[in-house]
Amino acid sequence: SAMHAAEHLYTSGYISYPRTESSRYPATFDIAAALREQSYHPNWGKTAGFILNHNPNIRPPTQGHDAGDHPPITPVRCAPRGEITKGKEWKLYDY
């Protein structure tokens, strides 16, 4: 199931806590740090780097729902395809 894959990605340190309904980041969320981590990714790293270079004062989105429990699911560690070997987990991470 998708939740099982998400929980494994979480316990492996690839994504933030997956059991949340939140879709809005708190004002204190360091989006630049999340983008810096992803700027090394072989597939989308150039896009993350471009966003950082052209938006030095980037802030998290203000739209969405705050369920009050955890921030939205976010990739926290850069991982190329070969590092996440289970297909369902890669599909979820890549999404």
N, C-alpha and C. Protein backbone atom coordinates (compact mmCIF):
# COMPACT_ATOMS: atom_id res chain seq x y z
N SER A 1 0.83 -1.20 0.00
CA SER A 1 0.00 0.00 0.00
C SER A 1 0.87 1.25 0.00
N ALA A 2 0.26 2.38 -0.35
CA ALA A 2 0.99 3.65 -0.39
C ALA A 2 1.48 4.05 1.00
N MET A 3 0.66 3.83 2.02
CA MET A 3 1.08 4.22 3.38
C MET A 3 2.26 3.39 3.85
N HIS A 4 2.28 2.11 3.52
CA HIS A 4 3.41 1.25 3.90
C HIS A 4 4.68 1.76 3.23
N ALA A 5 4.59 2.11 1.95
CA ALA A 5 5.75 2.64 1.23
C ALA A 5 6.20 3.96 1.85
N ALA A 6 5.24 4.84 2.19
CA ALA A 6 5.57 6.13 2.80
C ALA A 6 6.23 5.94 4.16
N GLU A 7 5.73 5.01 4.95
CA GLU A 7 6.32 4.76 6.27
C GLU A 7 7.75 4.25 6.14
N HIS A 8 8.01 3.41 5.15
CA HIS A 8 9.37 2.92 4.95
C HIS A 8 10.29 4.05 4.50
N LEU A 9 9.81 4.92 3.61
CA LEU A 9 10.61 6.08 3.20
C LEU A 9 10.90 6.98 4.40
N TYR A 10 9.92 7.14 5.28
CA TYR A 10 10.09 7.96 6.48
C TYR A 10 11.13 7.34 7.42
N THR A 11 10.99 6.06 7.71
CA THR A 11 11.93 5.42 8.64
C THR A 11 13.33 5.31 8.04
N SER A 12 13.43 5.38 6.72
CA SER A 12 14.74 5.36 6.06
C SER A 12 15.33 6.76 5.92
N GLY A 13 14.58 7.79 6.33
CA GLY A 13 15.09 9.15 6.32
C GLY A 13 14.95 9.90 5.01
N TYR A 14 14.08 9.43 4.12
CA TYR A 14 13.92 10.10 2.83
C TYR A 14 12.83 11.16 2.81
N ILE A 15 11.77 10.98 3.61
CA ILE A 15 10.68 11.95 3.64
C ILE A 15 10.32 12.28 5.10
N SER A 16 9.60 13.37 5.26
CA SER A 16 9.10 13.73 6.59
C SER A 16 7.95 12.81 6.98
N TYR A 17 7.46 12.99 8.18
CA TYR A 17 6.42 12.12 8.73
C TYR A 17 5.20 12.06 7.80
N PRO A 18 4.80 10.85 7.36
CA PRO A 18 3.75 10.75 6.34
C PRO A 18 2.31 10.76 6.83
N ARG A 19 2.09 10.61 8.12
CA ARG A 19 0.70 10.52 8.60
C ARG A 19 0.18 11.91 8.97
N THR A 20 -0.16 12.66 7.94
CA THR A 20 -0.69 14.00 8.16
C THR A 20 -1.68 14.33 7.05
N GLU A 21 -2.59 15.21 7.35
CA GLU A 21 -3.53 15.72 6.35
C GLU A 21 -3.17 17.15 5.96
N SER A 22 -2.09 17.67 6.53
CA SER A 22 -1.69 19.05 6.24
C SER A 22 -1.18 19.20 4.81
N SER A 23 -1.53 20.34 4.23
CA SER A 23 -1.01 20.69 2.91
C SER A 23 -0.42 22.09 2.91
N ARG A 24 -0.36 22.71 4.08
CA ARG A 24 0.23 24.05 4.22
C ARG A 24 1.43 23.97 5.15
N TYR A 25 2.51 24.59 4.73
CA TYR A 25 3.73 24.61 5.53
C TYR A 25 3.66 25.73 6.56
N PRO A 26 4.26 25.53 7.74
CA PRO A 26 4.32 26.62 8.71
C PRO A 26 5.26 27.71 8.21
N ALA A 27 5.06 28.93 8.67
CA ALA A 27 5.89 30.06 8.24
C ALA A 27 7.37 29.83 8.56
N THR A 28 7.66 28.98 9.53
CA THR A 28 9.04 28.72 9.93
C THR A 28 9.73 27.63 9.10
N PHE A 29 8.99 27.00 8.18
CA PHE A 29 9.57 25.94 7.37
C PHE A 29 10.69 26.51 6.50
N ASP A 30 11.85 25.88 6.53
CA ASP A 30 13.02 26.34 5.77
C ASP A 30 12.99 25.72 4.38
N ILE A 31 12.25 26.34 3.49
CA ILE A 31 12.12 25.82 2.14
C ILE A 31 13.44 25.89 1.37
N ALA A 32 14.27 26.89 1.67
CA ALA A 32 15.56 26.99 1.00
C ALA A 32 16.44 25.79 1.35
N ALA A 33 16.40 25.33 2.59
CA ALA A 33 17.19 24.15 2.97
C ALA A 33 16.68 22.91 2.25
N ALA A 34 15.36 22.77 2.13
CA ALA A 34 14.80 21.62 1.41
C ALA A 34 15.22 21.65 -0.06
N LEU A 35 15.20 22.82 -0.66
CA LEU A 35 15.62 22.95 -2.05
C LEU A 35 17.12 22.71 -2.22
N ARG A 36 17.92 23.20 -1.27
CA ARG A 36 19.37 22.96 -1.34
C ARG A 36 19.67 21.47 -1.32
N GLU A 37 18.99 20.73 -0.46
CA GLU A 37 19.18 19.28 -0.40
C GLU A 37 18.85 18.64 -1.74
N GLN A 38 17.75 19.06 -2.35
CA GLN A 38 17.32 18.48 -3.62
C GLN A 38 18.11 18.99 -4.82
N SER A 39 18.88 20.05 -4.64
CA SER A 39 19.64 20.62 -5.77
C SER A 39 20.74 19.68 -6.27
N TYR A 40 21.04 18.63 -5.52
CA TYR A 40 22.04 17.65 -5.94
C TYR A 40 21.42 16.46 -6.68
N HIS A 41 20.10 16.43 -6.77
CA HIS A 41 19.45 15.27 -7.39
C HIS A 41 19.71 15.25 -8.90
N PRO A 42 20.04 14.08 -9.46
CA PRO A 42 20.35 14.02 -10.89
C PRO A 42 19.16 14.31 -11.81
N ASN A 43 17.94 14.13 -11.34
CA ASN A 43 16.77 14.37 -12.20
C ASN A 43 16.24 15.80 -12.09
N TRP A 44 16.06 16.30 -10.88
CA TRP A 44 15.44 17.62 -10.70
C TRP A 44 16.34 18.62 -9.97
N GLY A 45 17.59 18.28 -9.79
CA GLY A 45 18.50 19.17 -9.08
C GLY A 45 18.69 20.52 -9.75
N LYS A 46 18.76 20.55 -11.06
CA LYS A 46 18.93 21.83 -11.77
C LYS A 46 17.73 22.73 -11.55
N THR A 47 16.54 22.14 -11.50
CA THR A 47 15.34 22.94 -11.26
C THR A 47 15.36 23.52 -9.85
N ALA A 48 15.71 22.70 -8.86
CA ALA A 48 15.80 23.19 -7.47
C ALA A 48 16.85 24.30 -7.37
N GLY A 49 18.00 24.11 -8.04
CA GLY A 49 19.05 25.13 -8.03
C GLY A 49 18.59 26.42 -8.69
N PHE A 50 17.87 26.31 -9.79
CA PHE A 50 17.34 27.48 -10.49
C PHE A 50 16.39 28.26 -9.58
N ILE A 51 15.50 27.55 -8.91
CA ILE A 51 14.56 28.21 -8.00
C ILE A 51 15.32 28.96 -6.91
N LEU A 52 16.32 28.32 -6.34
CA LEU A 52 17.12 28.97 -5.29
C LEU A 52 17.85 30.20 -5.81
N ASN A 53 18.47 30.05 -6.98
CA ASN A 53 19.26 31.16 -7.53
C ASN A 53 18.43 32.35 -7.96
N HIS A 54 17.19 32.12 -8.35
CA HIS A 54 16.35 33.21 -8.83
C HIS A 54 15.33 33.70 -7.80
N ASN A 55 15.34 33.12 -6.63
CA ASN A 55 14.41 33.52 -5.56
C ASN A 55 15.15 33.52 -4.22
N PRO A 56 16.07 34.47 -4.01
CA PRO A 56 16.88 34.43 -2.79
C PRO A 56 16.08 34.56 -1.49
N ASN A 57 14.90 35.12 -1.55
CA ASN A 57 14.07 35.29 -0.34
C ASN A 57 12.84 34.39 -0.38
N ILE A 58 13.01 33.20 -0.91
CA ILE A 58 11.88 32.28 -1.09
C ILE A 58 11.24 31.94 0.26
N ARG A 59 9.93 31.87 0.25
CA ARG A 59 9.15 31.54 1.44
C ARG A 59 8.27 30.33 1.11
N PRO A 60 7.85 29.59 2.12
CA PRO A 60 6.96 28.46 1.85
C PRO A 60 5.60 28.95 1.36
N PRO A 61 4.89 28.12 0.61
CA PRO A 61 3.54 28.51 0.17
C PRO A 61 2.64 28.79 1.37
N THR A 62 1.73 29.71 1.20
CA THR A 62 0.82 30.07 2.31
C THR A 62 -0.56 29.45 2.14
N GLN A 63 -0.82 28.83 1.01
CA GLN A 63 -2.12 28.20 0.76
C GLN A 63 -2.13 26.78 1.33
N GLY A 64 -3.31 26.24 1.50
CA GLY A 64 -3.45 24.87 1.96
C GLY A 64 -4.11 24.76 3.31
N HIS A 65 -4.13 23.55 3.81
CA HIS A 65 -4.80 23.22 5.06
C HIS A 65 -3.76 22.83 6.12
N ASP A 66 -3.88 23.40 7.30
CA ASP A 66 -3.01 23.02 8.42
C ASP A 66 -3.82 22.16 9.38
N ALA A 67 -3.54 20.86 9.38
CA ALA A 67 -4.27 19.94 10.26
C ALA A 67 -3.81 20.06 11.71
N GLY A 68 -2.71 20.77 11.94
CA GLY A 68 -2.25 20.99 13.30
C GLY A 68 -1.37 19.88 13.86
N ASP A 69 -1.10 18.86 13.07
CA ASP A 69 -0.29 17.76 13.60
C ASP A 69 1.15 17.80 13.08
N HIS A 70 1.33 17.77 11.78
CA HIS A 70 2.66 17.76 11.18
C HIS A 70 2.62 18.57 9.89
N PRO A 71 3.78 19.06 9.45
CA PRO A 71 3.80 19.75 8.16
C PRO A 71 3.56 18.76 7.02
N PRO A 72 3.31 19.26 5.81
CA PRO A 72 3.09 18.36 4.67
C PRO A 72 4.28 17.43 4.45
N ILE A 73 4.01 16.32 3.79
CA ILE A 73 5.07 15.37 3.47
C ILE A 73 6.07 16.04 2.55
N THR A 74 7.34 15.97 2.93
CA THR A 74 8.40 16.66 2.21
C THR A 74 9.61 15.74 2.07
N PRO A 75 10.25 15.73 0.90
CA PRO A 75 11.51 14.98 0.81
C PRO A 75 12.56 15.66 1.68
N VAL A 76 13.26 14.90 2.50
CA VAL A 76 14.26 15.49 3.40
C VAL A 76 15.68 15.04 3.06
N ARG A 77 15.79 14.04 2.21
CA ARG A 77 17.11 13.56 1.80
C ARG A 77 17.08 13.27 0.30
N CYS A 78 18.08 13.78 -0.38
CA CYS A 78 18.20 13.57 -1.81
C CYS A 78 18.53 12.11 -2.08
N ALA A 79 17.78 11.50 -3.00
CA ALA A 79 18.01 10.08 -3.31
C ALA A 79 17.82 9.85 -4.80
N PRO A 80 18.86 9.41 -5.50
CA PRO A 80 18.70 9.03 -6.91
C PRO A 80 17.94 7.72 -7.02
N ARG A 81 17.48 7.40 -8.20
CA ARG A 81 16.64 6.22 -8.45
C ARG A 81 17.28 4.94 -7.92
N GLY A 82 18.56 4.75 -8.12
CA GLY A 82 19.23 3.53 -7.70
C GLY A 82 19.29 3.35 -6.19
N GLU A 83 19.08 4.41 -5.43
CA GLU A 83 19.15 4.32 -3.98
C GLU A 83 17.85 3.81 -3.36
N ILE A 84 16.73 4.08 -4.01
CA ILE A 84 15.43 3.59 -3.56
C ILE A 84 15.04 2.48 -4.53
N THR A 85 15.19 1.25 -4.09
CA THR A 85 15.08 0.12 -5.01
C THR A 85 13.67 -0.44 -5.17
N LYS A 86 12.78 -0.15 -4.26
CA LYS A 86 11.42 -0.68 -4.37
C LYS A 86 10.59 0.27 -5.24
N GLY A 87 9.94 -0.30 -6.26
CA GLY A 87 9.21 0.49 -7.23
C GLY A 87 8.15 1.41 -6.66
N LYS A 88 7.33 0.89 -5.74
CA LYS A 88 6.27 1.73 -5.16
C LYS A 88 6.86 2.87 -4.35
N GLU A 89 7.95 2.61 -3.65
CA GLU A 89 8.58 3.66 -2.86
C GLU A 89 9.16 4.73 -3.78
N TRP A 90 9.79 4.30 -4.88
CA TRP A 90 10.34 5.29 -5.80
C TRP A 90 9.23 6.13 -6.42
N LYS A 91 8.12 5.52 -6.81
CA LYS A 91 7.01 6.26 -7.40
C LYS A 91 6.50 7.32 -6.44
N LEU A 92 6.41 6.96 -5.17
CA LEU A 92 5.94 7.91 -4.16
C LEU A 92 6.96 9.03 -3.94
N TYR A 93 8.23 8.68 -3.82
CA TYR A 93 9.28 9.67 -3.61
C TYR A 93 9.36 10.61 -4.81
N ASP A 94 9.27 10.05 -6.01
CA ASP A 94 9.40 10.84 -7.24
C ASP A 94 8.19 11.74 -7.47
N TYR A 95 7.07 11.41 -6.87
CA TYR A 95 5.84 12.18 -7.06
C TYR A 95 5.98 13.55 -6.46
